[in-house]
């Protein structure tokens, strides 16, 4: 059964556009390199406006741990992240949850 990871990033005030740019131009390439499946990314239409929401897909928790660990340890990612944060961090807080689809969910 696939494992879905919901992640919510609270951007540092004024840094949400830079966070979007980093995902679009950099992070997604590293996700692909390390086998991290992307379901999608969302901005809130109402409510808190400095948050980025996204969902990742993995085969199981072992796959997640291996892929995420490789992504975090990738020297290219470390350099790219440092470059995008030369004027300070982009993310103030990270929230995540792991989900399994219910038996009646169309997305399994």
N, C-alpha and C. Protein backbone atom coordinates (compact mmCIF):
# COMPACT_ATOMS: atom_id res chain seq x y z
N UNK A 1 0.85 -1.18 0.00
CA UNK A 1 0.00 0.00 0.00
C UNK A 1 0.90 1.25 0.00
N UNK A 2 0.69 2.16 -0.93
CA UNK A 2 1.53 3.37 -0.98
C UNK A 2 1.39 4.21 0.29
N UNK A 3 2.43 4.93 0.56
CA UNK A 3 2.47 5.85 1.69
C UNK A 3 2.50 7.26 1.13
N UNK A 4 1.63 8.12 1.63
CA UNK A 4 1.60 9.52 1.21
C UNK A 4 2.10 10.36 2.38
N UNK A 5 2.91 11.35 2.04
CA UNK A 5 3.39 12.28 3.05
C UNK A 5 2.86 13.66 2.72
N UNK A 6 2.08 14.20 3.64
CA UNK A 6 1.59 15.58 3.52
C UNK A 6 2.60 16.47 4.24
N UNK A 7 3.04 17.53 3.56
CA UNK A 7 3.97 18.48 4.15
C UNK A 7 3.42 19.89 4.00
N UNK A 8 3.55 20.66 5.05
CA UNK A 8 3.13 22.07 5.04
C UNK A 8 4.31 22.89 5.50
N UNK A 9 4.71 23.84 4.68
CA UNK A 9 5.81 24.73 5.02
C UNK A 9 5.25 26.12 5.29
N UNK A 10 5.55 26.64 6.45
CA UNK A 10 5.21 28.02 6.77
C UNK A 10 6.43 28.85 6.36
N UNK A 11 6.27 29.67 5.34
CA UNK A 11 7.38 30.47 4.84
C UNK A 11 7.68 31.63 5.77
N UNK A 12 8.95 31.99 5.81
CA UNK A 12 9.34 33.21 6.50
C UNK A 12 8.61 34.36 5.79
N UNK A 13 8.07 35.33 6.52
CA UNK A 13 7.33 36.42 5.87
C UNK A 13 8.10 37.01 4.68
N UNK A 14 7.41 37.09 3.55
CA UNK A 14 7.98 37.65 2.33
C UNK A 14 8.79 36.66 1.50
N UNK A 15 8.98 35.42 1.98
CA UNK A 15 9.84 34.45 1.29
C UNK A 15 9.08 33.38 0.51
N UNK A 16 7.74 33.41 0.51
CA UNK A 16 7.00 32.37 -0.21
C UNK A 16 7.33 32.35 -1.71
N UNK A 17 7.43 33.49 -2.39
CA UNK A 17 7.81 33.43 -3.80
C UNK A 17 9.17 32.76 -4.03
N UNK A 18 10.13 33.02 -3.17
CA UNK A 18 11.45 32.39 -3.30
C UNK A 18 11.36 30.89 -3.03
N UNK A 19 10.51 30.49 -2.10
CA UNK A 19 10.31 29.07 -1.82
C UNK A 19 9.69 28.37 -3.04
N UNK A 20 8.70 29.01 -3.65
CA UNK A 20 8.11 28.46 -4.87
C UNK A 20 9.18 28.30 -5.96
N UNK A 21 10.00 29.33 -6.15
CA UNK A 21 11.05 29.28 -7.17
C UNK A 21 12.01 28.12 -6.92
N UNK A 22 12.38 27.94 -5.64
CA UNK A 22 13.32 26.86 -5.32
C UNK A 22 12.73 25.50 -5.65
N UNK A 23 11.46 25.29 -5.32
CA UNK A 23 10.84 24.01 -5.68
C UNK A 23 10.80 23.84 -7.19
N UNK A 24 10.35 24.86 -7.89
CA UNK A 24 10.17 24.77 -9.34
C UNK A 24 11.49 24.56 -10.08
N UNK A 25 12.53 25.26 -9.68
CA UNK A 25 13.78 25.23 -10.45
C UNK A 25 14.83 24.28 -9.90
N UNK A 26 14.71 23.86 -8.65
CA UNK A 26 15.78 23.09 -8.03
C UNK A 26 15.29 21.82 -7.34
N UNK A 27 14.41 21.97 -6.36
CA UNK A 27 14.02 20.85 -5.50
C UNK A 27 13.41 19.70 -6.29
N UNK A 28 12.54 20.01 -7.24
CA UNK A 28 11.88 18.95 -7.99
C UNK A 28 12.87 18.05 -8.72
N UNK A 29 13.95 18.60 -9.22
CA UNK A 29 14.98 17.80 -9.88
C UNK A 29 15.64 16.83 -8.91
N UNK A 30 15.89 17.28 -7.70
CA UNK A 30 16.49 16.40 -6.69
C UNK A 30 15.47 15.35 -6.23
N UNK A 31 14.21 15.72 -6.12
CA UNK A 31 13.18 14.73 -5.79
C UNK A 31 13.19 13.62 -6.84
N UNK A 32 13.19 13.99 -8.11
CA UNK A 32 13.18 13.01 -9.19
C UNK A 32 14.43 12.13 -9.12
N UNK A 33 15.57 12.73 -8.92
CA UNK A 33 16.84 12.01 -8.83
C UNK A 33 16.80 10.93 -7.76
N UNK A 34 16.12 11.21 -6.65
CA UNK A 34 16.12 10.29 -5.52
C UNK A 34 14.84 9.46 -5.41
N UNK A 35 14.01 9.46 -6.44
CA UNK A 35 12.83 8.60 -6.45
C UNK A 35 11.71 9.03 -5.53
N UNK A 36 11.60 10.33 -5.29
CA UNK A 36 10.53 10.86 -4.45
C UNK A 36 9.38 11.26 -5.37
N UNK A 37 8.25 10.57 -5.24
CA UNK A 37 7.09 10.84 -6.08
C UNK A 37 6.33 12.07 -5.60
N UNK A 38 5.97 12.92 -6.54
CA UNK A 38 5.23 14.14 -6.21
C UNK A 38 3.78 13.99 -6.67
N UNK A 39 2.85 14.14 -5.74
CA UNK A 39 1.41 14.14 -6.07
C UNK A 39 1.00 15.53 -6.52
N UNK A 40 1.43 16.56 -5.77
CA UNK A 40 1.09 17.93 -6.15
C UNK A 40 1.45 18.93 -5.08
N UNK A 41 1.34 20.20 -5.48
CA UNK A 41 1.62 21.34 -4.62
C UNK A 41 0.41 22.27 -4.63
N UNK A 42 0.15 22.91 -3.50
CA UNK A 42 -1.02 23.78 -3.38
C UNK A 42 -0.71 25.04 -2.57
N UNK A 43 -1.37 26.13 -2.96
CA UNK A 43 -1.42 27.36 -2.18
C UNK A 43 -2.83 27.46 -1.61
N UNK A 44 -2.96 27.99 -0.42
CA UNK A 44 -4.28 28.19 0.18
C UNK A 44 -5.00 29.35 -0.53
N UNK A 45 -6.27 29.16 -0.83
CA UNK A 45 -7.09 30.20 -1.45
C UNK A 45 -7.61 31.14 -0.36
N UNK A 46 -7.94 30.58 0.80
CA UNK A 46 -8.35 31.38 1.96
C UNK A 46 -7.54 30.91 3.15
N UNK A 47 -7.52 31.70 4.18
CA UNK A 47 -6.78 31.33 5.38
C UNK A 47 -5.35 31.85 5.31
N UNK A 48 -4.44 31.14 5.96
CA UNK A 48 -3.04 31.56 6.03
C UNK A 48 -2.44 31.58 4.63
N UNK A 49 -1.82 32.71 4.28
CA UNK A 49 -1.35 32.88 2.90
C UNK A 49 0.15 32.65 2.72
N UNK A 50 0.88 32.40 3.78
CA UNK A 50 2.32 32.21 3.62
C UNK A 50 2.71 30.74 3.79
N UNK A 51 1.83 29.84 3.36
CA UNK A 51 2.09 28.41 3.49
C UNK A 51 2.10 27.74 2.12
N UNK A 52 2.97 26.76 1.99
CA UNK A 52 3.01 25.88 0.83
C UNK A 52 2.63 24.50 1.31
N UNK A 53 1.67 23.88 0.63
CA UNK A 53 1.21 22.54 0.97
C UNK A 53 1.59 21.60 -0.17
N UNK A 54 2.08 20.41 0.17
CA UNK A 54 2.33 19.44 -0.89
C UNK A 54 2.25 18.02 -0.36
N UNK A 55 2.06 17.09 -1.31
CA UNK A 55 1.94 15.68 -0.98
C UNK A 55 2.94 14.89 -1.83
N UNK A 56 3.65 14.00 -1.14
CA UNK A 56 4.61 13.10 -1.79
C UNK A 56 4.09 11.67 -1.70
N UNK A 57 4.55 10.82 -2.62
CA UNK A 57 4.12 9.42 -2.64
C UNK A 57 5.35 8.52 -2.59
N UNK A 58 5.28 7.51 -1.74
CA UNK A 58 6.33 6.52 -1.59
C UNK A 58 5.72 5.13 -1.61
N UNK A 59 6.54 4.13 -1.89
CA UNK A 59 6.04 2.74 -1.87
C UNK A 59 5.66 2.33 -0.45
N UNK A 60 6.47 2.74 0.50
CA UNK A 60 6.27 2.41 1.92
C UNK A 60 7.23 3.27 2.74
N UNK A 61 7.23 3.09 4.06
CA UNK A 61 8.07 3.93 4.92
C UNK A 61 9.56 3.66 4.67
N UNK A 62 9.92 2.42 4.36
CA UNK A 62 11.33 2.13 4.08
C UNK A 62 11.80 2.90 2.84
N UNK A 63 10.95 2.93 1.82
CA UNK A 63 11.27 3.71 0.61
C UNK A 63 11.41 5.18 0.97
N UNK A 64 10.51 5.69 1.77
CA UNK A 64 10.55 7.10 2.17
C UNK A 64 11.85 7.42 2.90
N UNK A 65 12.21 6.58 3.86
CA UNK A 65 13.41 6.85 4.65
C UNK A 65 14.66 6.82 3.77
N UNK A 66 14.73 5.86 2.86
CA UNK A 66 15.90 5.75 1.98
C UNK A 66 15.96 6.95 1.03
N UNK A 67 14.86 7.26 0.37
CA UNK A 67 14.82 8.36 -0.62
C UNK A 67 15.04 9.71 0.05
N UNK A 68 14.35 9.95 1.16
CA UNK A 68 14.47 11.24 1.85
C UNK A 68 15.87 11.41 2.42
N UNK A 69 16.43 10.34 2.97
CA UNK A 69 17.79 10.40 3.49
C UNK A 69 18.81 10.72 2.41
N UNK A 70 18.65 10.10 1.23
CA UNK A 70 19.56 10.36 0.12
C UNK A 70 19.41 11.80 -0.37
N UNK A 71 18.18 12.28 -0.44
CA UNK A 71 17.92 13.66 -0.85
C UNK A 71 18.58 14.63 0.12
N UNK A 72 18.37 14.45 1.41
CA UNK A 72 18.93 15.35 2.42
C UNK A 72 20.46 15.32 2.42
N UNK A 73 21.06 14.17 2.09
CA UNK A 73 22.52 14.03 2.11
C UNK A 73 23.18 14.44 0.79
N UNK A 74 22.39 14.70 -0.24
CA UNK A 74 22.93 15.03 -1.56
C UNK A 74 23.69 16.35 -1.49
N UNK A 75 24.97 16.32 -1.83
CA UNK A 75 25.79 17.53 -1.75
C UNK A 75 25.30 18.62 -2.69
N UNK A 76 24.77 18.22 -3.84
CA UNK A 76 24.22 19.21 -4.78
C UNK A 76 23.03 19.94 -4.16
N UNK A 77 22.16 19.19 -3.49
CA UNK A 77 21.01 19.81 -2.81
C UNK A 77 21.49 20.72 -1.69
N UNK A 78 22.46 20.26 -0.92
CA UNK A 78 22.97 21.06 0.19
C UNK A 78 23.52 22.40 -0.32
N UNK A 79 24.27 22.36 -1.43
CA UNK A 79 24.81 23.60 -2.00
C UNK A 79 23.69 24.49 -2.54
N UNK A 80 22.75 23.88 -3.26
CA UNK A 80 21.64 24.66 -3.84
C UNK A 80 20.79 25.30 -2.74
N UNK A 81 20.52 24.55 -1.71
CA UNK A 81 19.73 25.09 -0.60
C UNK A 81 20.46 26.26 0.05
N UNK A 82 21.75 26.09 0.29
CA UNK A 82 22.54 27.17 0.91
C UNK A 82 22.52 28.41 0.03
N UNK A 83 22.62 28.24 -1.27
CA UNK A 83 22.61 29.38 -2.19
C UNK A 83 21.28 30.12 -2.12
N UNK A 84 20.16 29.36 -2.06
CA UNK A 84 18.85 30.01 -2.02
C UNK A 84 18.58 30.65 -0.67
N UNK A 85 19.37 30.30 0.33
CA UNK A 85 19.17 30.85 1.67
C UNK A 85 20.30 31.78 2.09
N UNK A 86 21.05 32.31 1.12
CA UNK A 86 22.16 33.20 1.45
C UNK A 86 21.68 34.47 2.16
N UNK A 87 20.41 34.86 1.94
CA UNK A 87 19.84 36.02 2.62
C UNK A 87 18.94 35.62 3.79
N UNK A 88 19.06 34.38 4.23
CA UNK A 88 18.26 33.89 5.35
C UNK A 88 17.36 32.74 4.94
N UNK A 89 16.87 31.99 5.91
CA UNK A 89 16.03 30.83 5.61
C UNK A 89 14.73 31.23 4.91
N UNK A 90 14.20 30.29 4.13
CA UNK A 90 12.91 30.50 3.45
C UNK A 90 11.75 29.93 4.25
N UNK A 91 12.03 28.93 5.08
CA UNK A 91 10.97 28.22 5.81
C UNK A 91 11.14 28.45 7.31
N UNK A 92 10.04 28.89 7.93
CA UNK A 92 10.05 29.11 9.38
C UNK A 92 9.72 27.83 10.13
N UNK A 93 8.73 27.07 9.63
CA UNK A 93 8.28 25.85 10.30
C UNK A 93 7.83 24.82 9.27
N UNK A 94 8.05 23.55 9.62
CA UNK A 94 7.63 22.43 8.77
C UNK A 94 6.69 21.56 9.58
N UNK A 95 5.60 21.16 8.95
CA UNK A 95 4.64 20.24 9.54
C UNK A 95 4.48 19.09 8.55
N UNK A 96 4.48 17.85 9.03
CA UNK A 96 4.22 16.75 8.12
C UNK A 96 3.44 15.63 8.80
N UNK A 97 2.73 14.87 7.96
CA UNK A 97 1.98 13.70 8.40
C UNK A 97 2.15 12.62 7.34
N UNK A 98 2.05 11.37 7.77
CA UNK A 98 2.09 10.24 6.85
C UNK A 98 0.70 9.63 6.77
N UNK A 99 0.27 9.35 5.54
CA UNK A 99 -1.09 8.87 5.30
C UNK A 99 -1.09 7.58 4.48
N UNK A 100 -2.04 6.70 4.78
CA UNK A 100 -2.40 5.58 3.92
C UNK A 100 -3.82 5.85 3.43
N UNK A 101 -4.09 5.53 2.17
CA UNK A 101 -5.43 5.73 1.63
C UNK A 101 -6.40 4.75 2.30
N UNK A 102 -7.63 5.19 2.48
CA UNK A 102 -8.67 4.29 3.01
C UNK A 102 -9.05 3.28 1.93
N UNK A 103 -9.76 2.24 2.34
CA UNK A 103 -10.16 1.19 1.39
C UNK A 103 -11.09 1.73 0.31
N UNK A 104 -11.79 2.81 0.57
CA UNK A 104 -12.74 3.37 -0.40
C UNK A 104 -12.20 4.59 -1.15
N UNK A 105 -10.95 4.91 -0.93
CA UNK A 105 -10.36 6.06 -1.61
C UNK A 105 -10.06 5.74 -3.07
N UNK A 106 -10.39 6.67 -4.00
CA UNK A 106 -10.06 6.41 -5.40
C UNK A 106 -8.55 6.54 -5.67
N UNK A 107 -7.82 7.17 -4.76
CA UNK A 107 -6.38 7.34 -4.93
C UNK A 107 -5.66 6.35 -4.03
N UNK A 108 -5.16 5.28 -4.63
CA UNK A 108 -4.48 4.22 -3.84
C UNK A 108 -3.12 3.95 -4.41
